[in-house]
Amino acid sequence: MASLTLKDIPMELHAQLKNEAAANFRSLTQEAMSRLERTFQIDAALTTKRDQKWIDEAIASGPETPLTKKDMEAIRDRVLRGGR
């Protein structure tokens, strides 16, 4: 298992982490790991909600009009020219 050393932790943050660790019957390391894991879970949940919102907005925007071969070629040509 990998290890991580945190340096220069503000005293207030260290005290808060220490108090929370004691309240949750955890070591400082266990409390820090728990909180770090939770931030990734929250980020994943928020990302999922954001992505679903974008999907819902795209669906609600109306029917998709398929690109024609001519449209695709024009896009390709524009990209090859550097987007000009």
C-alpha atoms as a PDB file:
ATOM      1  CA  MET A   1       0.000   0.000   0.000  1.00  0.00           C
ATOM      2  CA  ALA A   2       1.292   3.470  -0.841  1.00  0.00           C
ATOM      3  CA  SER A   3       1.844   6.131   1.780  1.00  0.00           C
ATOM      4  CA  LEU A   4       1.390   9.877   1.812  1.00  0.00           C
ATOM      5  CA  THR A   5       2.847  12.478   4.143  1.00  0.00           C
ATOM      6  CA  LEU A   6       1.045  15.767   4.634  1.00  0.00           C
ATOM      7  CA  LYS A   7       3.125  18.756   5.651  1.00  0.00           C
ATOM      8  CA  ASP A   8       2.314  22.272   6.795  1.00  0.00           C
ATOM      9  CA  ILE A   9      -1.274  21.485   7.797  1.00  0.00           C
ATOM     10  CA  PRO A  10      -2.868  24.574   9.351  1.00  0.00           C
ATOM     11  CA  MET A  11      -3.275  24.149  13.105  1.00  0.00           C
ATOM     12  CA  GLU A  12      -7.038  24.746  12.926  1.00  0.00           C
ATOM     13  CA  LEU A  13      -7.471  22.032  10.288  1.00  0.00           C
ATOM     14  CA  HIS A  14      -5.298  19.604  12.243  1.00  0.00           C
ATOM     15  CA  ALA A  15      -7.308  20.248  15.414  1.00  0.00           C
ATOM     16  CA  GLN A  16     -10.582  19.779  13.562  1.00  0.00           C
ATOM     17  CA  LEU A  17      -9.370  16.523  11.996  1.00  0.00           C
ATOM     18  CA  LYS A  18      -8.146  15.313  15.384  1.00  0.00           C
ATOM     19  CA  ASN A  19     -11.506  16.106  17.025  1.00  0.00           C
ATOM     20  CA  GLU A  20     -13.445  14.388  14.265  1.00  0.00           C
ATOM     21  CA  ALA A  21     -11.172  11.347  14.424  1.00  0.00           C
ATOM     22  CA  ALA A  22     -11.819  11.036  18.142  1.00  0.00           C
ATOM     23  CA  ALA A  23     -15.565  11.498  17.682  1.00  0.00           C
ATOM     24  CA  ASN A  24     -15.598   8.748  15.015  1.00  0.00           C
ATOM     25  CA  PHE A  25     -13.263   6.432  16.988  1.00  0.00           C
ATOM     26  CA  ARG A  26     -10.629   6.615  14.240  1.00  0.00           C
ATOM     27  CA  SER A  27      -6.964   7.453  14.040  1.00  0.00           C
ATOM     28  CA  LEU A  28      -5.939  10.671  12.276  1.00  0.00           C
ATOM     29  CA  THR A  29      -4.910   8.597   9.267  1.00  0.00           C
ATOM     30  CA  GLN A  30      -8.211   6.704   9.176  1.00  0.00           C
ATOM     31  CA  GLU A  31     -10.188   9.943   9.460  1.00  0.00           C
ATOM     32  CA  ALA A  32      -8.164  11.618   6.700  1.00  0.00           C
ATOM     33  CA  MET A  33      -8.609   8.561   4.432  1.00  0.00           C
ATOM     34  CA  SER A  34     -12.342   8.460   5.104  1.00  0.00           C
ATOM     35  CA  ARG A  35     -12.754  12.135   4.267  1.00  0.00           C
ATOM     36  CA  LEU A  36     -10.576  11.881   1.166  1.00  0.00           C
ATOM     37  CA  GLU A  37     -12.581   8.894  -0.109  1.00  0.00           C
ATOM     38  CA  ARG A  38     -15.819  10.774   0.573  1.00  0.00           C
ATOM     39  CA  THR A  39     -14.692  13.729  -1.561  1.00  0.00           C
ATOM     40  CA  PHE A  40     -14.203  11.394  -4.535  1.00  0.00           C
ATOM     41  CA  GLN A  41     -17.650   9.869  -3.970  1.00  0.00           C
ATOM     42  CA  ILE A  42     -19.219  13.339  -3.853  1.00  0.00           C
ATOM     43  CA  ASP A  43     -17.365  14.389  -7.016  1.00  0.00           C
ATOM     44  CA  ALA A  44     -18.562  11.249  -8.810  1.00  0.00           C
ATOM     45  CA  ALA A  45     -22.167  11.877  -7.733  1.00  0.00           C
ATOM     46  CA  LEU A  46     -22.029  15.509  -8.851  1.00  0.00           C
ATOM     47  CA  THR A  47     -20.446  14.560 -12.172  1.00  0.00           C
ATOM     48  CA  THR A  48     -23.138  11.962 -12.786  1.00  0.00           C
ATOM     49  CA  LYS A  49     -25.879  14.515 -12.038  1.00  0.00           C
ATOM     50  CA  ARG A  50     -24.197  17.095 -14.296  1.00  0.00           C
ATOM     51  CA  ASP A  51     -23.807  14.622 -17.136  1.00  0.00           C
ATOM     52  CA  GLN A  52     -27.424  13.496 -16.809  1.00  0.00           C
ATOM     53  CA  LYS A  53     -28.548  17.130 -16.901  1.00  0.00           C
ATOM     54  CA  TRP A  54     -26.616  17.637 -20.149  1.00  0.00           C
ATOM     55  CA  ILE A  55     -28.160  14.486 -21.630  1.00  0.00           C
ATOM     56  CA  ASP A  56     -31.647  15.598 -20.591  1.00  0.00           C
ATOM     57  CA  GLU A  57     -31.067  19.060 -22.098  1.00  0.00           C
ATOM     58  CA  ALA A  58     -29.812  17.540 -25.339  1.00  0.00           C
ATOM     59  CA  ILE A  59     -32.850  15.278 -25.591  1.00  0.00           C
ATOM     60  CA  ALA A  60     -35.204  18.141 -24.783  1.00  0.00           C
ATOM     61  CA  SER A  61     -33.616  20.364 -27.432  1.00  0.00           C
ATOM     62  CA  GLY A  62     -35.465  18.536 -30.161  1.00  0.00           C
ATOM     63  CA  PRO A  63     -34.847  15.928 -32.807  1.00  0.00           C
ATOM     64  CA  GLU A  64     -31.373  15.536 -34.199  1.00  0.00           C
ATOM     65  CA  THR A  65     -30.821  16.340 -37.834  1.00  0.00           C
ATOM     66  CA  PRO A  66     -28.331  13.890 -39.300  1.00  0.00           C
ATOM     67  CA  LEU A  67     -25.338  15.384 -41.043  1.00  0.00           C
ATOM     68  CA  THR A  68     -25.120  14.764 -44.737  1.00  0.00           C
ATOM     69  CA  LYS A  69     -21.974  13.512 -46.418  1.00  0.00           C
ATOM     70  CA  LYS A  70     -21.487  17.047 -47.759  1.00  0.00           C
ATOM     71  CA  ASP A  71     -21.741  18.471 -44.213  1.00  0.00           C
ATOM     72  CA  MET A  72     -19.207  15.933 -42.917  1.00  0.00           C
ATOM     73  CA  GLU A  73     -16.779  16.726 -45.719  1.00  0.00           C
ATOM     74  CA  ALA A  74     -17.109  20.461 -45.039  1.00  0.00           C
ATOM     75  CA  ILE A  75     -16.338  19.881 -41.361  1.00  0.00           C
ATOM     76  CA  ARG A  76     -13.366  17.673 -42.224  1.00  0.00           C
ATOM     77  CA  ASP A  77     -12.021  20.282 -44.633  1.00  0.00           C
ATOM     78  CA  ARG A  78     -12.437  23.048 -42.056  1.00  0.00           C
ATOM     79  CA  VAL A  79     -10.578  21.010 -39.414  1.00  0.00           C
ATOM     80  CA  LEU A  80      -7.776  20.175 -41.837  1.00  0.00           C
ATOM     81  CA  ARG A  81      -7.404  23.873 -42.659  1.00  0.00           C
ATOM     82  CA  GLY A  82      -6.966  24.609 -38.933  1.00  0.00           C
ATOM     83  CA  GLY A  83     -10.527  25.598 -38.077  1.00  0.00           C
ATOM     84  CA  ARG A  84     -10.608  28.669 -40.313  1.00  0.00           C
END
